[in-house]
Amino acid sequence: MSEENLRYSREELVEFQDIIQDKLTAARKEVTFIKETLSRRNDSGTDNTASSSKVLEDGADTAEKESLNQLASRQMKFIQQLENALIRIKNGTYGVCIGTGKLISKERLRAVPHTQHSIEAKMARRD
């Protein structure tokens, strides 16, 4: 595809859509797993009868829950970005850099299918 083209073809968009759908499925499974892990942690069972070491375990448990919550939050944000990419495919704006207006390279979209920035625009933002 040459630089002059402003949009990806229908076939190319289908490839990107498949990549995004696969990533969405995996991310949703991970969020479900994290939520199940958190709800099992909230169910203390018979652990309430433990000795004074329980205080140390509570601190570690709290830190782990916080870490899992942060991971779930990042995954939910990732899912939203992927869903937004699917919307851009439907409305014909997918793969166009919002910084330069040029097509984002296929390699970049395969690696980061939810991106809205070309490598050039991303590097320019860092400067």
N, C-alpha and C. Protein backbone atom coordinates (compact mmCIF):
# COMPACT_ATOMS: atom_id res chain seq x y z
N MET A 1 0.85 -1.17 0.00
CA MET A 1 0.00 0.00 0.00
C MET A 1 0.89 1.23 0.00
N SER A 2 0.65 2.14 -0.92
CA SER A 2 1.51 3.32 -1.03
C SER A 2 1.09 4.39 -0.04
N GLU A 3 1.99 5.35 0.14
CA GLU A 3 1.76 6.45 1.08
C GLU A 3 0.55 7.30 0.69
N GLU A 4 0.23 7.31 -0.64
CA GLU A 4 -0.86 8.16 -1.12
C GLU A 4 -2.24 7.64 -0.67
N ASN A 5 -2.33 6.36 -0.41
CA ASN A 5 -3.61 5.81 0.02
C ASN A 5 -3.98 6.35 1.39
N LEU A 6 -5.24 6.71 1.56
CA LEU A 6 -5.69 7.30 2.81
C LEU A 6 -6.44 6.31 3.69
N ARG A 7 -6.76 5.15 3.14
CA ARG A 7 -7.51 4.16 3.89
C ARG A 7 -6.99 2.75 3.55
N TYR A 8 -7.21 1.84 4.49
CA TYR A 8 -6.89 0.44 4.20
C TYR A 8 -8.08 -0.19 3.48
N SER A 9 -7.78 -1.23 2.70
CA SER A 9 -8.83 -1.92 1.95
C SER A 9 -9.72 -2.71 2.90
N ARG A 10 -10.85 -3.13 2.42
CA ARG A 10 -11.79 -3.93 3.21
C ARG A 10 -11.11 -5.21 3.70
N GLU A 11 -10.32 -5.86 2.82
CA GLU A 11 -9.64 -7.09 3.20
C GLU A 11 -8.63 -6.84 4.33
N GLU A 12 -7.91 -5.74 4.23
CA GLU A 12 -6.94 -5.40 5.28
C GLU A 12 -7.65 -5.10 6.59
N LEU A 13 -8.77 -4.42 6.50
CA LEU A 13 -9.53 -4.10 7.72
C LEU A 13 -10.07 -5.36 8.39
N VAL A 14 -10.44 -6.34 7.58
CA VAL A 14 -10.91 -7.62 8.14
C VAL A 14 -9.77 -8.30 8.91
N GLU A 15 -8.56 -8.25 8.37
CA GLU A 15 -7.40 -8.82 9.08
C GLU A 15 -7.23 -8.13 10.44
N PHE A 16 -7.27 -6.80 10.46
CA PHE A 16 -7.11 -6.06 11.71
C PHE A 16 -8.26 -6.34 12.67
N GLN A 17 -9.45 -6.46 12.11
CA GLN A 17 -10.62 -6.77 12.95
C GLN A 17 -10.45 -8.12 13.64
N ASP A 18 -9.94 -9.11 12.90
CA ASP A 18 -9.70 -10.43 13.49
C ASP A 18 -8.66 -10.36 14.61
N ILE A 19 -7.59 -9.60 14.39
CA ILE A 19 -6.56 -9.43 15.42
C ILE A 19 -7.17 -8.81 16.66
N ILE A 20 -7.97 -7.77 16.46
CA ILE A 20 -8.59 -7.08 17.59
C ILE A 20 -9.55 -8.01 18.33
N GLN A 21 -10.35 -8.76 17.60
CA GLN A 21 -11.30 -9.69 18.23
C GLN A 21 -10.56 -10.73 19.08
N ASP A 22 -9.45 -11.24 18.56
CA ASP A 22 -8.66 -12.21 19.33
C ASP A 22 -8.12 -11.60 20.61
N LYS A 23 -7.62 -10.37 20.52
CA LYS A 23 -7.10 -9.68 21.70
C LYS A 23 -8.21 -9.37 22.69
N LEU A 24 -9.38 -9.01 22.18
CA LEU A 24 -10.54 -8.74 23.04
C LEU A 24 -10.94 -9.99 23.81
N THR A 25 -11.01 -11.10 23.12
CA THR A 25 -11.38 -12.37 23.77
C THR A 25 -10.40 -12.70 24.89
N ALA A 26 -9.11 -12.59 24.59
CA ALA A 26 -8.08 -12.90 25.60
C ALA A 26 -8.16 -11.93 26.79
N ALA A 27 -8.35 -10.65 26.51
CA ALA A 27 -8.42 -9.65 27.58
C ALA A 27 -9.65 -9.86 28.45
N ARG A 28 -10.77 -10.19 27.84
CA ARG A 28 -11.99 -10.43 28.62
C ARG A 28 -11.84 -11.67 29.51
N LYS A 29 -11.18 -12.70 28.99
CA LYS A 29 -10.93 -13.90 29.80
C LYS A 29 -10.04 -13.55 30.99
N GLU A 30 -9.04 -12.71 30.76
CA GLU A 30 -8.14 -12.33 31.85
C GLU A 30 -8.88 -11.52 32.92
N VAL A 31 -9.75 -10.61 32.50
CA VAL A 31 -10.53 -9.83 33.47
C VAL A 31 -11.44 -10.76 34.28
N THR A 32 -12.06 -11.71 33.63
CA THR A 32 -12.91 -12.67 34.33
C THR A 32 -12.10 -13.45 35.35
N PHE A 33 -10.92 -13.90 34.96
CA PHE A 33 -10.05 -14.64 35.88
C PHE A 33 -9.66 -13.78 37.07
N ILE A 34 -9.30 -12.53 36.82
CA ILE A 34 -8.91 -11.63 37.90
C ILE A 34 -10.08 -11.41 38.86
N LYS A 35 -11.26 -11.19 38.31
CA LYS A 35 -12.44 -10.97 39.15
C LYS A 35 -12.75 -12.21 39.99
N GLU A 36 -12.62 -13.39 39.39
CA GLU A 36 -12.86 -14.62 40.14
C GLU A 36 -11.82 -14.78 41.24
N THR A 37 -10.57 -14.46 40.95
CA THR A 37 -9.51 -14.53 41.94
C THR A 37 -9.79 -13.57 43.10
N LEU A 38 -10.22 -12.37 42.77
CA LEU A 38 -10.53 -11.39 43.81
C LEU A 38 -11.70 -11.84 44.67
N SER A 39 -12.72 -12.41 44.06
CA SER A 39 -13.87 -12.83 44.87
C SER A 39 -13.53 -14.04 45.73
N ARG A 40 -12.62 -14.90 45.29
CA ARG A 40 -12.16 -16.01 46.15
C ARG A 40 -11.35 -15.47 47.32
N ARG A 41 -10.57 -14.43 47.08
CA ARG A 41 -9.77 -13.83 48.15
C ARG A 41 -10.66 -13.16 49.20
N ASN A 42 -11.78 -12.63 48.75
CA ASN A 42 -12.70 -11.98 49.69
C ASN A 42 -13.43 -12.99 50.56
N ASP A 43 -13.47 -14.23 50.10
CA ASP A 43 -14.11 -15.31 50.86
C ASP A 43 -13.04 -15.95 51.73
N SER A 44 -12.94 -15.51 52.99
CA SER A 44 -11.83 -15.93 53.85
C SER A 44 -11.96 -17.36 54.36
N GLY A 45 -13.11 -17.95 54.30
CA GLY A 45 -13.29 -19.34 54.72
C GLY A 45 -12.94 -19.53 56.18
N THR A 46 -12.09 -20.52 56.47
CA THR A 46 -11.71 -20.83 57.86
C THR A 46 -10.44 -20.13 58.29
N ASP A 47 -9.90 -19.26 57.44
CA ASP A 47 -8.65 -18.57 57.77
C ASP A 47 -8.79 -17.63 58.97
N ASN A 48 -10.00 -17.31 59.40
CA ASN A 48 -10.20 -16.40 60.52
C ASN A 48 -9.71 -16.97 61.84
N THR A 49 -9.42 -18.24 61.90
CA THR A 49 -8.97 -18.88 63.14
C THR A 49 -7.44 -18.90 63.25
N ALA A 50 -6.74 -18.27 62.30
CA ALA A 50 -5.28 -18.27 62.29
C ALA A 50 -4.71 -17.47 63.45
N SER A 51 -3.42 -17.65 63.72
CA SER A 51 -2.75 -17.00 64.85
C SER A 51 -2.32 -15.57 64.51
N SER A 52 -1.36 -15.04 65.27
CA SER A 52 -0.92 -13.66 65.09
C SER A 52 -0.24 -13.42 63.74
N SER A 53 0.19 -14.45 63.06
CA SER A 53 0.77 -14.25 61.74
C SER A 53 -0.28 -13.74 60.75
N LYS A 54 -1.52 -13.81 61.15
CA LYS A 54 -2.63 -13.33 60.32
C LYS A 54 -2.46 -11.85 59.97
N VAL A 55 -1.90 -11.05 60.89
CA VAL A 55 -1.71 -9.62 60.65
C VAL A 55 -0.77 -9.41 59.46
N LEU A 56 0.32 -10.16 59.41
CA LEU A 56 1.25 -10.05 58.28
C LEU A 56 0.60 -10.51 56.99
N GLU A 57 -0.16 -11.57 57.07
CA GLU A 57 -0.84 -12.08 55.88
C GLU A 57 -1.87 -11.08 55.37
N ASP A 58 -2.54 -10.38 56.30
CA ASP A 58 -3.53 -9.38 55.90
C ASP A 58 -2.89 -8.28 55.07
N GLY A 59 -1.69 -7.84 55.48
CA GLY A 59 -0.99 -6.80 54.72
C GLY A 59 -0.61 -7.27 53.34
N ALA A 60 -0.09 -8.48 53.25
CA ALA A 60 0.28 -9.04 51.95
C ALA A 60 -0.96 -9.27 51.09
N ASP A 61 -2.03 -9.72 51.74
CA ASP A 61 -3.28 -9.97 51.03
C ASP A 61 -3.84 -8.67 50.46
N THR A 62 -3.78 -7.60 51.26
CA THR A 62 -4.27 -6.30 50.81
C THR A 62 -3.45 -5.79 49.62
N ALA A 63 -2.13 -5.94 49.71
CA ALA A 63 -1.27 -5.51 48.61
C ALA A 63 -1.56 -6.31 47.34
N GLU A 64 -1.80 -7.60 47.49
CA GLU A 64 -2.10 -8.43 46.32
C GLU A 64 -3.45 -8.05 45.71
N LYS A 65 -4.44 -7.78 46.57
CA LYS A 65 -5.75 -7.36 46.06
C LYS A 65 -5.63 -6.05 45.30
N GLU A 66 -4.84 -5.12 45.84
CA GLU A 66 -4.66 -3.84 45.17
C GLU A 66 -3.99 -4.03 43.82
N SER A 67 -2.99 -4.90 43.79
CA SER A 67 -2.31 -5.19 42.54
C SER A 67 -3.26 -5.82 41.52
N LEU A 68 -4.08 -6.75 41.96
CA LEU A 68 -5.06 -7.37 41.06
C LEU A 68 -6.09 -6.36 40.57
N ASN A 69 -6.51 -5.46 41.46
CA ASN A 69 -7.46 -4.42 41.05
C ASN A 69 -6.85 -3.51 39.99
N GLN A 70 -5.57 -3.15 40.16
CA GLN A 70 -4.90 -2.31 39.17
C GLN A 70 -4.77 -3.03 37.83
N LEU A 71 -4.45 -4.32 37.90
CA LEU A 71 -4.34 -5.12 36.68
C LEU A 71 -5.69 -5.20 35.96
N ALA A 72 -6.76 -5.42 36.73
CA ALA A 72 -8.10 -5.47 36.14
C ALA A 72 -8.46 -4.13 35.51
N SER A 73 -8.11 -3.06 36.18
CA SER A 73 -8.39 -1.71 35.66
C SER A 73 -7.66 -1.47 34.34
N ARG A 74 -6.39 -1.87 34.27
CA ARG A 74 -5.62 -1.71 33.02
C ARG A 74 -6.24 -2.56 31.90
N GLN A 75 -6.67 -3.77 32.25
CA GLN A 75 -7.28 -4.64 31.24
C GLN A 75 -8.59 -4.04 30.74
N MET A 76 -9.37 -3.46 31.64
CA MET A 76 -10.64 -2.85 31.23
C MET A 76 -10.38 -1.66 30.29
N LYS A 77 -9.34 -0.89 30.58
CA LYS A 77 -8.98 0.24 29.71
C LYS A 77 -8.54 -0.30 28.34
N PHE A 78 -7.76 -1.38 28.33
CA PHE A 78 -7.31 -2.00 27.09
C PHE A 78 -8.51 -2.50 26.28
N ILE A 79 -9.46 -3.12 26.95
CA ILE A 79 -10.68 -3.61 26.28
C ILE A 79 -11.42 -2.44 25.64
N GLN A 80 -11.55 -1.33 26.37
CA GLN A 80 -12.23 -0.15 25.83
C GLN A 80 -11.50 0.38 24.59
N GLN A 81 -10.17 0.40 24.64
CA GLN A 81 -9.40 0.86 23.49
C GLN A 81 -9.60 -0.06 22.28
N LEU A 82 -9.64 -1.36 22.52
CA LEU A 82 -9.88 -2.31 21.44
C LEU A 82 -11.29 -2.14 20.86
N GLU A 83 -12.27 -1.94 21.73
CA GLU A 83 -13.64 -1.73 21.25
C GLU A 83 -13.73 -0.44 20.44
N ASN A 84 -13.02 0.59 20.87
CA ASN A 84 -12.99 1.84 20.10
C ASN A 84 -12.35 1.64 18.73
N ALA A 85 -11.33 0.77 18.67
CA ALA A 85 -10.70 0.46 17.38
C ALA A 85 -11.69 -0.21 16.44
N LEU A 86 -12.53 -1.10 16.99
CA LEU A 86 -13.56 -1.74 16.15
C LEU A 86 -14.54 -0.71 15.61
N ILE A 87 -14.87 0.28 16.43
CA ILE A 87 -15.75 1.36 15.97
C ILE A 87 -15.08 2.14 14.84
N ARG A 88 -13.78 2.40 14.97
CA ARG A 88 -13.07 3.12 13.91
C ARG A 88 -13.03 2.30 12.62
N ILE A 89 -12.96 0.97 12.74
CA ILE A 89 -13.02 0.14 11.54
C ILE A 89 -14.37 0.34 10.86
N LYS A 90 -15.44 0.33 11.65
CA LYS A 90 -16.79 0.47 11.08
C LYS A 90 -17.01 1.85 10.45
N ASN A 91 -16.44 2.90 11.07
CA ASN A 91 -16.70 4.23 10.52
C ASN A 91 -15.64 4.70 9.53
N GLY A 92 -14.67 3.81 9.23
CA GLY A 92 -13.71 4.10 8.16
C GLY A 92 -12.52 4.95 8.56
N THR A 93 -12.29 5.16 9.84
CA THR A 93 -11.15 5.97 10.26
C THR A 93 -10.01 5.14 10.84
N TYR A 94 -10.15 3.83 10.87
CA TYR A 94 -9.13 2.96 11.46
C TYR A 94 -7.85 3.00 10.63
N GLY A 95 -6.73 3.07 11.34
CA GLY A 95 -5.43 3.02 10.69
C GLY A 95 -4.90 4.35 10.22
N VAL A 96 -5.67 5.42 10.46
CA VAL A 96 -5.23 6.76 10.07
C VAL A 96 -4.73 7.46 11.33
N CYS A 97 -3.49 7.94 11.29
CA CYS A 97 -2.88 8.61 12.43
C CYS A 97 -3.60 9.92 12.72
N ILE A 98 -3.98 10.12 13.98
CA ILE A 98 -4.68 11.36 14.34
C ILE A 98 -3.70 12.54 14.44
N GLY A 99 -2.41 12.24 14.46
CA GLY A 99 -1.41 13.31 14.51
C GLY A 99 -0.96 13.78 13.15
N THR A 100 -0.77 12.83 12.23
CA THR A 100 -0.22 13.18 10.91
C THR A 100 -1.25 13.08 9.78
N GLY A 101 -2.32 12.34 10.01
CA GLY A 101 -3.31 12.12 8.96
C GLY A 101 -2.90 11.06 7.95
N LYS A 102 -1.73 10.46 8.15
CA LYS A 102 -1.24 9.42 7.25
C LYS A 102 -1.60 8.05 7.80
N LEU A 103 -1.48 7.04 6.91
CA LEU A 103 -1.75 5.68 7.35
C LEU A 103 -0.68 5.21 8.33
N ILE A 104 -1.14 4.53 9.37
CA ILE A 104 -0.24 3.90 10.32
C ILE A 104 0.24 2.60 9.67
N SER A 105 1.52 2.27 9.83
CA SER A 105 2.05 1.08 9.17
C SER A 105 1.33 -0.18 9.64
N LYS A 106 1.22 -1.13 8.74
CA LYS A 106 0.58 -2.41 9.06
C LYS A 106 1.30 -3.11 10.21
N GLU A 107 2.62 -3.04 10.20
CA GLU A 107 3.40 -3.69 11.25
C GLU A 107 3.03 -3.13 12.63
N ARG A 108 2.89 -1.81 12.70
CA ARG A 108 2.51 -1.18 13.97
C ARG A 108 1.10 -1.59 14.38
N LEU A 109 0.19 -1.61 13.43
CA LEU A 109 -1.19 -1.98 13.75
C LEU A 109 -1.30 -3.45 14.15
N ARG A 110 -0.47 -4.29 13.58
CA ARG A 110 -0.49 -5.70 13.99
C ARG A 110 0.03 -5.85 15.42
N ALA A 111 1.03 -5.04 15.78
CA ALA A 111 1.60 -5.10 17.12
C ALA A 111 0.73 -4.39 18.16
N VAL A 112 0.18 -3.25 17.77
CA VAL A 112 -0.64 -2.43 18.68
C VAL A 112 -1.92 -2.04 17.93
N PRO A 113 -2.86 -2.98 17.80
CA PRO A 113 -4.02 -2.74 16.92
C PRO A 113 -4.95 -1.62 17.36
N HIS A 114 -4.83 -1.17 18.60
CA HIS A 114 -5.71 -0.10 19.07
C HIS A 114 -5.08 1.28 18.93
N THR A 115 -3.85 1.37 18.42
CA THR A 115 -3.17 2.65 18.35
C THR A 115 -3.85 3.61 17.39
N GLN A 116 -3.71 4.89 17.68
CA GLN A 116 -4.21 5.93 16.79
C GLN A 116 -3.06 6.81 16.31
N HIS A 117 -1.83 6.40 16.64
CA HIS A 117 -0.66 7.20 16.29
C HIS A 117 0.35 6.37 15.51
N SER A 118 0.90 6.98 14.48
CA SER A 118 2.01 6.35 13.77
C SER A 118 3.25 6.46 14.66
N ILE A 119 4.29 5.74 14.30
CA ILE A 119 5.55 5.81 15.04
C ILE A 119 6.06 7.25 15.03
N GLU A 120 5.98 7.91 13.89
CA GLU A 120 6.46 9.28 13.78
C GLU A 120 5.73 10.21 14.76
N ALA A 121 4.41 10.08 14.80
CA ALA A 121 3.62 10.95 15.69
C ALA A 121 3.91 10.60 17.15
N LYS A 122 4.08 9.34 17.45
CA LYS A 122 4.37 8.90 18.82
C LYS A 122 5.72 9.47 19.27
N MET A 123 6.71 9.37 18.42
CA MET A 123 8.04 9.90 18.76
C MET A 123 8.00 11.43 18.90
N ALA A 124 7.26 12.09 18.07
CA ALA A 124 7.16 13.56 18.14
C ALA A 124 6.50 14.00 19.45
N ARG A 125 5.57 13.21 19.96
CA ARG A 125 4.89 13.53 21.22
C ARG A 125 5.83 13.42 22.40
N ARG A 126 6.84 12.56 22.30
CA ARG A 126 7.79 12.36 23.39
C ARG A 126 8.78 13.51 23.50
N ASP A 127 9.03 14.19 22.40
CA ASP A 127 10.02 15.28 22.41
C ASP A 127 9.53 16.51 23.14
